[in-house]
């Protein structure tokens, strides 16, 4: 469809709601797992400096086709993301992503670049290096609605592990989506790997989650309710403020500097860009919504900190097991009920919070027998860490205590692939 035709195809409210509802979840069996892992790009010779955009692009352009099928994309602060395809089970997804990370690391090595898969950049201040119009416009929107610093930090200085899971049979959608949200605080605490940001200790175990909590919750907050998740997602999307309006001829993104609900643009109550929105505008709007669980036909679990080996494979395996294995899911639902909604406590205190720690220990014990044998050692190491009230971020905190934020970034930076055998026995309490 050409731009002129697309521009004339204005949405009405009923069609917009029906479209979002129909595409929110796809009914089918569970079992496939897709993983996306972000990492901060580090100049090994000047780690305190952000890597310039032209150098980022030149380095990534030399990455050969990846054996596991991952796509390589770039975030506005120069973070590099690997997005793997959906594969049958967490073990296959982890193996493919590990293989792709090894190839990526080898391609970056001649450029003297490394990757730091942690929830927040411990050393460098948040700053955008990408010149893309979308990201420039996003910064302006966040500033206009009163969360500019958090918006810049989210875009340029955070990194996550994303776990994508099948929606499952329609009859189970309500319980499955509700459990994905209920697990959030516990898995935020277990994955917490961002005690520093921009050269300072923040006082939060997951500064990445703290940043997301400081953003506009109409765009980034959890979906509330549970009886009809597809319909609730449609209501959430239509009530969320429009962030950007694209010029249908040039593709440039213009920020919306007011809090205007997408529904009000659809009805004409508030005109934007001199026109009514089209189906393409609705698709674009959905891409600017960032709840902790996003519905894209499947469940996009977005609340985990990025973490080094062996923690990200363990976190992927645990998340999939607690949602896909019936016995583990039942145990997790019971264990996490007392801390449902404790997002702020999880981000601030992590597993130092007694209730979150107790729930985490129970969840990890339930997940362990359900994970593939290839990942069981990784999950057992994570369970042992959680049992001591510790998490992946304690490695960074220990390094920062000994040598400051630069030492924390160095501890997080991977320049060659590691294996769980090499890293799983490491206890940050003993080896900071």
Protein backbone atom coordinates (compact mmCIF):
# COMPACT_ATOMS: atom_id res chain seq x y z
CA UNK A 1 0.00 0.00 0.00
CA UNK A 2 1.46 3.33 -1.04
CA UNK A 3 1.64 6.31 1.30
CA UNK A 4 -1.21 8.18 -0.41
CA UNK A 5 -3.63 5.26 -0.06
CA UNK A 6 -2.47 4.51 3.50
CA UNK A 7 -3.06 8.12 4.50
CA UNK A 8 -6.72 7.95 3.40
CA UNK A 9 -7.41 4.71 5.31
CA UNK A 10 -8.38 6.30 8.61
CA UNK A 11 -9.25 4.12 11.57
CA UNK A 12 -12.45 4.21 13.53
CA UNK A 13 -12.48 3.33 17.24
CA UNK A 14 -14.33 0.03 16.85
CA UNK A 15 -11.88 -1.20 14.22
CA UNK A 16 -8.89 -0.13 16.29
CA UNK A 17 -10.12 -2.00 19.38
CA UNK A 18 -11.00 -5.08 17.35
CA UNK A 19 -7.60 -5.10 15.62
CA UNK A 20 -5.59 -4.91 18.84
CA UNK A 21 -7.79 -7.48 20.56
CA UNK A 22 -7.55 -9.94 17.67
CA UNK A 23 -3.75 -9.74 17.43
CA UNK A 24 -2.95 -9.71 21.15
CA UNK A 25 -2.67 -13.48 21.62
CA UNK A 26 -2.60 -16.50 19.32
CA UNK A 27 -4.15 -19.72 20.59
CA UNK A 28 -1.99 -22.85 20.42
CA UNK A 29 0.27 -25.15 22.40
CA UNK A 30 3.06 -23.87 24.62
CA UNK A 31 6.73 -24.85 24.40
CA UNK A 32 8.52 -22.49 22.04
CA UNK A 33 10.98 -20.00 23.55
CA UNK A 34 12.50 -16.93 21.93
CA UNK A 35 15.29 -14.99 23.64
CA UNK A 36 16.55 -11.43 23.20
CA UNK A 37 19.64 -10.27 25.06
CA UNK A 38 20.98 -6.73 25.14
CA UNK A 39 24.50 -5.73 26.13
CA UNK A 40 26.35 -2.45 26.51
CA UNK A 41 29.09 -1.97 23.92
CA UNK A 42 32.44 -1.18 25.55
CA UNK A 43 35.59 0.33 24.05
CA UNK A 44 38.26 -1.88 25.63
CA UNK A 45 40.89 0.85 25.32
CA UNK A 46 38.68 3.70 26.60
CA UNK A 47 35.84 2.12 28.61
CA UNK A 48 34.72 5.41 30.16
CA UNK A 49 33.80 6.80 26.71
CA UNK A 50 30.71 5.87 24.74
CA UNK A 51 31.48 4.24 21.40
CA UNK A 52 30.69 6.71 18.57
CA UNK A 53 27.79 5.70 16.34
CA UNK A 54 29.83 5.38 13.15
CA UNK A 55 32.21 3.01 14.91
CA UNK A 56 29.30 1.01 16.33
CA UNK A 57 27.79 0.61 12.87
CA UNK A 58 31.11 -0.28 11.24
CA UNK A 59 31.78 -3.00 13.79
CA UNK A 60 28.31 -4.52 13.54
CA UNK A 61 28.40 -4.40 9.74
CA UNK A 62 31.20 -6.96 9.83
CA UNK A 63 29.20 -9.55 11.77
CA UNK A 64 28.68 -12.62 9.56
CA UNK A 65 25.39 -14.56 9.40
CA UNK A 66 24.81 -16.07 12.82
CA UNK A 67 24.46 -19.84 13.19
CA UNK A 68 21.55 -19.65 15.64
CA UNK A 69 19.53 -17.31 13.44
CA UNK A 70 19.64 -14.25 15.70
CA UNK A 71 19.13 -10.75 14.34
CA UNK A 72 21.56 -8.04 15.42
CA UNK A 73 20.03 -4.67 16.23
CA UNK A 74 21.28 -1.50 17.89
CA UNK A 75 19.76 0.56 20.68
CA UNK A 76 20.07 4.36 20.95
CA UNK A 77 22.93 4.28 23.48
CA UNK A 78 24.94 1.89 21.31
CA UNK A 79 23.72 -1.26 23.09
CA UNK A 80 23.80 -4.35 20.90
CA UNK A 81 20.85 -6.74 20.95
CA UNK A 82 20.69 -10.32 19.72
CA UNK A 83 17.14 -11.47 18.99
CA UNK A 84 16.84 -15.20 18.52
CA UNK A 85 14.04 -17.05 16.70
CA UNK A 86 11.41 -19.07 18.59
CA UNK A 87 12.77 -22.57 19.18
CA UNK A 88 11.36 -25.68 20.88
CA UNK A 89 12.31 -25.12 24.51
CA UNK A 90 14.68 -22.99 26.55
CA UNK A 91 17.68 -25.29 26.05
CA UNK A 92 17.55 -24.93 22.26
CA UNK A 93 17.02 -21.17 22.51
CA UNK A 94 19.94 -20.76 24.93
CA UNK A 95 22.26 -22.94 22.83
CA UNK A 96 21.46 -20.92 19.69
CA UNK A 97 21.97 -17.58 21.44
CA UNK A 98 25.23 -18.75 23.02
CA UNK A 99 26.54 -19.75 19.60
CA UNK A 100 25.51 -16.41 18.13
CA UNK A 101 27.11 -14.46 21.00
CA UNK A 102 30.39 -16.28 20.36
CA UNK A 103 30.36 -15.25 16.70
CA UNK A 104 29.41 -11.68 17.60
CA UNK A 105 32.22 -11.45 20.17
CA UNK A 106 34.72 -12.73 17.61
CA UNK A 107 33.56 -10.14 15.08
CA UNK A 108 33.86 -7.29 17.59
CA UNK A 109 37.29 -8.32 18.88
CA UNK A 110 39.33 -6.81 15.98
CA UNK A 111 37.59 -3.49 16.69
CA UNK A 112 38.69 -3.67 20.35
CA UNK A 113 35.08 -3.80 21.49
CA UNK A 114 33.49 -5.95 24.18
CA UNK A 115 29.97 -6.53 25.49
CA UNK A 116 28.67 -5.97 29.02
CA UNK A 117 25.34 -7.78 29.52
CA UNK A 118 24.15 -6.08 32.71
CA UNK A 119 20.93 -4.25 33.54
CA UNK A 120 22.40 -0.74 33.61
CA UNK A 121 25.65 0.81 32.44
CA UNK A 122 27.66 1.10 35.67
CA UNK A 123 30.16 3.70 34.42
CA UNK A 124 28.98 5.92 31.58
CA UNK A 125 26.31 8.56 31.95
CA UNK A 126 23.15 8.05 29.88
CA UNK A 127 23.55 9.63 26.46
CA UNK A 128 22.13 8.93 23.02
CA UNK A 129 24.60 8.16 20.23
CA UNK A 130 22.12 7.02 17.57
CA UNK A 131 21.01 9.83 15.23
CA UNK A 132 17.79 8.00 14.28
CA UNK A 133 14.78 10.38 14.17
CA UNK A 134 12.66 7.94 16.21
CA UNK A 135 14.97 8.10 19.20
CA UNK A 136 15.46 11.85 19.00
CA UNK A 137 11.68 12.25 18.97
CA UNK A 138 11.26 9.80 21.86
CA UNK A 139 13.60 11.90 24.00
CA UNK A 140 11.56 15.02 23.28
CA UNK A 141 8.30 13.25 24.15
CA UNK A 142 9.63 11.91 27.45
CA UNK A 143 10.89 15.38 28.38
CA UNK A 144 7.55 16.97 27.51
CA UNK A 145 5.57 14.56 29.72
CA UNK A 146 7.91 15.02 32.68
CA UNK A 147 10.19 11.98 32.65
CA UNK A 148 13.07 13.14 30.45
CA UNK A 149 16.01 11.81 32.51
CA UNK A 150 14.36 8.43 33.02
CA UNK A 151 13.51 8.25 29.32
CA UNK A 152 17.09 8.93 28.28
CA UNK A 153 18.41 6.43 30.82
CA UNK A 154 15.97 3.75 29.66
CA UNK A 155 16.88 4.19 26.00
CA UNK A 156 20.63 4.57 26.32
CA UNK A 157 21.86 2.98 29.55
CA UNK A 158 19.73 -0.09 30.30
CA UNK A 159 19.82 -3.64 28.97
CA UNK A 160 17.49 -6.58 29.48
CA UNK A 161 16.98 -10.25 28.87
CA UNK A 162 13.65 -10.74 27.13
CA UNK A 163 11.91 -14.12 27.16
CA UNK A 164 9.18 -14.69 24.57
CA UNK A 165 6.71 -17.53 25.18
CA UNK A 166 3.69 -18.93 23.34
CA UNK A 167 0.33 -17.58 24.45
CA UNK A 168 -1.02 -21.10 24.96
CA UNK A 169 -4.61 -22.30 24.57
CA UNK A 170 -7.27 -19.60 24.71
CA UNK A 171 -8.90 -21.20 27.75
CA UNK A 172 -5.74 -20.57 29.79
CA UNK A 173 -4.94 -17.02 28.68
CA UNK A 174 -6.31 -15.28 31.76
CA UNK A 175 -4.35 -17.39 34.23
CA UNK A 176 -1.20 -17.43 32.10
CA UNK A 177 -1.02 -13.66 31.59
CA UNK A 178 -1.85 -13.06 35.25
CA UNK A 179 0.92 -15.43 36.35
CA UNK A 180 3.42 -13.76 34.02
CA UNK A 181 2.70 -10.49 35.84
CA UNK A 182 2.60 -12.04 39.31
CA UNK A 183 6.04 -13.57 38.76
CA UNK A 184 7.45 -10.16 37.85
CA UNK A 185 8.62 -8.87 41.24
CA UNK A 186 10.25 -12.17 42.19
CA UNK A 187 12.07 -12.51 38.88
CA UNK A 188 13.11 -8.84 39.01
CA UNK A 189 14.70 -9.59 42.39
CA UNK A 190 16.34 -12.82 41.19
CA UNK A 191 17.74 -11.23 38.03
CA UNK A 192 18.78 -7.91 39.61
CA UNK A 193 22.08 -6.97 38.00
CA UNK A 194 22.22 -3.18 37.98
CA UNK A 195 23.33 -1.67 41.29
CA UNK A 196 25.14 1.19 39.54
CA UNK A 197 24.25 3.66 36.81
CA UNK A 198 26.37 6.36 35.24
CA UNK A 199 29.28 6.09 37.65
CA UNK A 200 27.43 5.88 40.95
CA UNK A 201 25.93 3.32 43.28
CA UNK A 202 22.20 4.01 43.16
CA UNK A 203 20.95 2.15 46.24
CA UNK A 204 18.75 -0.07 44.04
CA UNK A 205 19.46 -3.73 43.27
CA UNK A 206 17.78 -3.33 39.86
CA UNK A 207 18.32 0.23 38.72
CA UNK A 208 17.01 -0.83 35.33
CA UNK A 209 13.62 -1.62 36.88
CA UNK A 210 13.75 1.58 38.93
CA UNK A 211 14.22 3.55 35.69
CA UNK A 212 11.27 1.80 34.06
CA UNK A 213 9.18 2.55 37.14
CA UNK A 214 9.97 6.27 36.80
CA UNK A 215 8.57 6.39 33.26
CA UNK A 216 5.00 7.17 32.22
CA UNK A 217 3.04 4.23 33.64
CA UNK A 218 0.30 4.65 31.05
CA UNK A 219 2.94 3.43 28.59
CA UNK A 220 5.27 1.34 30.74
CA UNK A 221 3.16 0.11 33.65
CA UNK A 222 1.68 -3.38 33.96
CA UNK A 223 -1.61 -4.32 32.35
CA UNK A 224 -4.19 -4.41 35.12
CA UNK A 225 -7.06 -6.89 35.43
CA UNK A 226 -6.85 -10.47 34.24
CA UNK A 227 -10.23 -11.82 33.10
CA UNK A 228 -9.83 -10.83 29.44
CA UNK A 229 -6.15 -10.13 28.69
CA UNK A 230 -6.63 -9.49 24.97
CA UNK A 231 -9.39 -6.99 25.60
CA UNK A 232 -7.43 -5.40 28.43
CA UNK A 233 -4.42 -4.99 26.15
CA UNK A 234 -6.64 -3.21 23.62
CA UNK A 235 -7.97 -0.88 26.33
CA UNK A 236 -4.43 -0.21 27.55
CA UNK A 237 -3.20 0.54 24.04
CA UNK A 238 -6.05 2.88 23.14
CA UNK A 239 -5.69 4.77 26.44
CA UNK A 240 -1.90 5.12 26.17
CA UNK A 241 -0.57 8.51 25.02
CA UNK A 242 0.62 8.88 21.45
CA UNK A 243 4.39 9.28 21.50
CA UNK A 244 5.22 9.84 17.84
CA UNK A 245 3.45 10.68 14.61
CA UNK A 246 5.15 9.56 11.41
CA UNK A 247 4.98 11.52 8.21
CA UNK A 248 3.43 8.99 5.79
CA UNK A 249 5.51 10.39 2.92
CA UNK A 250 8.98 10.73 4.50
CA UNK A 251 8.76 8.32 7.43
CA UNK A 252 10.16 10.95 9.80
CA UNK A 253 8.88 10.78 13.37
CA UNK A 254 7.53 13.89 15.07
CA UNK A 255 7.15 13.83 18.87
CA UNK A 256 3.79 14.47 20.46
CA UNK A 257 4.44 16.98 23.24
CA UNK A 258 1.10 16.57 25.00
CA UNK A 259 -0.54 13.61 26.73
CA UNK A 260 -2.98 12.62 24.00
CA UNK A 261 -4.65 9.22 24.17
CA UNK A 262 -4.55 7.22 20.95
CA UNK A 263 -8.34 6.88 21.24
CA UNK A 264 -8.70 10.66 21.14
CA UNK A 265 -6.65 10.82 17.96
CA UNK A 266 -8.84 8.12 16.43
CA UNK A 267 -12.10 9.91 17.25
CA UNK A 268 -10.77 13.28 16.11
CA UNK A 269 -11.11 14.79 19.58
CA UNK A 270 -7.45 15.79 19.34
CA UNK A 271 -5.95 16.21 15.85
CA UNK A 272 -2.34 15.18 15.36
CA UNK A 273 -0.26 15.68 12.23
CA UNK A 274 -3.21 17.27 10.48
CA UNK A 275 -4.92 13.90 9.91
CA UNK A 276 -6.60 10.90 11.52
CA UNK A 277 -4.54 7.76 12.29
CA UNK A 278 -4.28 4.81 9.92
CA UNK A 279 -3.72 1.09 10.60
CA UNK A 280 0.00 1.74 10.11
CA UNK A 281 -0.13 4.41 12.82
CA UNK A 282 -1.76 1.91 15.17
CA UNK A 283 1.00 -0.63 14.51
CA UNK A 284 3.61 2.06 15.16
CA UNK A 285 1.86 3.15 18.36
CA UNK A 286 1.93 -0.43 19.67
CA UNK A 287 5.70 -0.50 19.11
CA UNK A 288 6.04 2.44 21.52
CA UNK A 289 4.28 0.70 24.43
CA UNK A 290 6.58 -0.99 26.94
CA UNK A 291 4.66 -2.78 29.72
CA UNK A 292 6.55 -5.46 31.68
CA UNK A 293 4.53 -8.11 29.82
CA UNK A 294 3.63 -7.11 26.28
CA UNK A 295 1.14 -9.08 24.19
CA UNK A 296 2.29 -9.55 20.60
CA UNK A 297 0.47 -12.75 19.74
CA UNK A 298 2.79 -14.30 22.31
CA UNK A 299 3.94 -13.22 25.78
CA UNK A 300 6.91 -10.86 25.69
CA UNK A 301 8.45 -10.97 29.20
CA UNK A 302 10.36 -7.69 29.49
CA UNK A 303 11.24 -7.32 33.19
CA UNK A 304 14.52 -9.25 33.55
CA UNK A 305 17.89 -7.54 33.88
CA UNK A 306 20.54 -8.57 31.39
CA UNK A 307 23.20 -10.59 33.20
CA UNK A 308 26.46 -12.36 32.31
CA UNK A 309 27.01 -16.11 32.05
CA UNK A 310 25.76 -18.36 33.57
CA UNK A 311 22.94 -16.21 34.88
CA UNK A 312 21.08 -15.22 31.71
CA UNK A 313 20.70 -18.85 30.56
CA UNK A 314 19.46 -19.80 34.03
CA UNK A 315 16.99 -16.90 34.08
CA UNK A 316 15.66 -17.87 30.66
CA UNK A 317 15.20 -21.48 31.73
CA UNK A 318 13.49 -20.56 35.01
CA UNK A 319 11.10 -18.08 33.38
CA UNK A 320 10.03 -20.61 30.75
CA UNK A 321 9.66 -23.43 33.29
CA UNK A 322 7.55 -21.40 35.72
CA UNK A 323 5.07 -20.53 32.97
CA UNK A 324 5.15 -23.60 30.72
CA UNK A 325 5.41 -26.50 33.18
CA UNK A 326 2.02 -27.05 34.90
CA UNK A 327 3.43 -28.24 38.24
CA UNK A 328 6.02 -25.47 38.37
CA UNK A 329 3.38 -22.89 37.40
CA UNK A 330 1.06 -24.01 40.21
CA UNK A 331 3.88 -23.83 42.74
CA UNK A 332 4.97 -20.41 41.47
CA UNK A 333 1.44 -19.02 41.65
CA UNK A 334 1.21 -20.01 45.30
CA UNK A 335 4.74 -18.84 46.19
CA UNK A 336 4.45 -15.42 44.57
CA UNK A 337 0.93 -14.48 45.72
CA UNK A 338 2.17 -12.70 48.89
CA UNK A 339 4.46 -10.40 46.87
CA UNK A 340 2.30 -9.81 43.80
CA UNK A 341 2.69 -6.18 42.75
CA UNK A 342 5.83 -5.55 44.82
CA UNK A 343 7.73 -4.12 41.86
CA UNK A 344 9.36 -1.25 43.76
CA UNK A 345 10.48 -3.44 46.66
CA UNK A 346 11.94 -5.94 44.21
CA UNK A 347 13.90 -3.26 42.35
CA UNK A 348 15.13 -1.53 45.50
CA UNK A 349 15.87 -4.44 47.84
CA UNK A 350 16.10 -7.50 45.62
CA UNK A 351 16.57 -10.71 47.56
CA UNK A 352 17.46 -8.78 50.72
CA UNK A 353 13.67 -8.53 51.15
CA UNK A 354 12.70 -11.61 53.22
CA UNK A 355 9.34 -12.19 51.49
CA UNK A 356 10.81 -11.89 48.00
CA UNK A 357 13.68 -14.16 48.96
CA UNK A 358 11.34 -16.83 50.35
CA UNK A 359 9.20 -16.70 47.20
CA UNK A 360 12.29 -16.84 44.99
CA UNK A 361 13.68 -19.90 46.76
CA UNK A 362 10.37 -21.70 46.32
CA UNK A 363 10.09 -20.72 42.64
CA UNK A 364 13.62 -21.84 41.82
CA UNK A 365 13.08 -25.14 43.61
CA UNK A 366 9.90 -25.68 41.58
CA UNK A 367 11.65 -24.78 38.31
CA UNK A 368 14.72 -26.95 38.77
CA UNK A 369 13.19 -30.37 37.97
CA UNK A 370 11.29 -28.87 35.02
CA UNK A 371 14.29 -27.43 33.15
CA UNK A 372 16.24 -29.31 30.50
CA UNK A 373 19.22 -31.28 31.89
CA UNK A 374 21.56 -29.13 29.78
CA UNK A 375 20.57 -26.07 31.84
CA UNK A 376 20.09 -27.69 35.23
CA UNK A 377 23.58 -26.82 36.50
CA UNK A 378 23.04 -23.17 35.59
CA UNK A 379 19.69 -23.09 37.37
CA UNK A 380 21.14 -24.89 40.42
CA UNK A 381 23.86 -22.23 40.61
CA UNK A 382 21.24 -19.48 40.47
CA UNK A 383 19.16 -21.24 43.13
CA UNK A 384 22.22 -21.48 45.37
CA UNK A 385 22.89 -17.78 44.90
CA UNK A 386 19.29 -16.85 45.71
CA UNK A 387 19.32 -19.09 48.77
CA UNK A 388 22.09 -16.91 50.19
CA UNK A 389 20.07 -13.77 49.46
CA UNK A 390 22.38 -12.78 46.63
CA UNK A 391 22.00 -12.10 42.93
CA UNK A 392 24.00 -11.51 39.76
CA UNK A 393 24.44 -7.83 40.63
CA UNK A 394 26.50 -8.64 43.72
CA UNK A 395 29.46 -9.31 41.42
CA UNK A 396 29.23 -5.72 40.15
CA UNK A 397 28.70 -4.31 43.61
CA UNK A 398 31.75 -6.17 44.89
CA UNK A 399 33.88 -4.98 41.99
CA UNK A 400 32.69 -1.39 42.48
CA UNK A 401 33.51 -1.59 46.17
CA UNK A 402 37.04 -2.68 45.37
CA UNK A 403 37.80 -0.48 42.37
CA UNK A 404 34.92 1.88 41.64
CA UNK A 405 32.46 1.99 38.70
CA UNK A 406 35.22 1.39 36.13
CA UNK A 407 36.05 -1.90 37.83
CA UNK A 408 32.36 -2.82 37.81
CA UNK A 409 32.14 -2.26 34.05
CA UNK A 410 35.34 -4.25 33.55
CA UNK A 411 33.91 -7.12 35.61
CA UNK A 412 30.80 -7.13 33.42
CA UNK A 413 32.55 -6.90 30.05
CA UNK A 414 32.89 -10.11 28.08
CA UNK A 415 35.47 -10.28 25.34
CA UNK A 416 35.31 -14.02 24.71
CA UNK A 417 32.56 -16.61 25.17
CA UNK A 418 32.35 -18.20 28.59
CA UNK A 419 30.72 -21.43 29.68
CA UNK A 420 28.65 -22.30 32.68
CA UNK A 421 31.34 -24.76 33.75
CA UNK A 422 33.84 -21.93 33.99
CA UNK A 423 31.57 -19.53 35.83
CA UNK A 424 28.85 -21.36 37.74
CA UNK A 425 30.93 -22.12 40.86
CA UNK A 426 31.84 -18.45 41.32
CA UNK A 427 30.23 -16.97 44.42
CA UNK A 428 30.37 -13.16 44.40
CA UNK A 429 30.58 -13.22 48.19
CA UNK A 430 33.90 -15.02 47.91
CA UNK A 431 35.12 -13.77 44.56
CA UNK A 432 33.92 -10.19 44.07
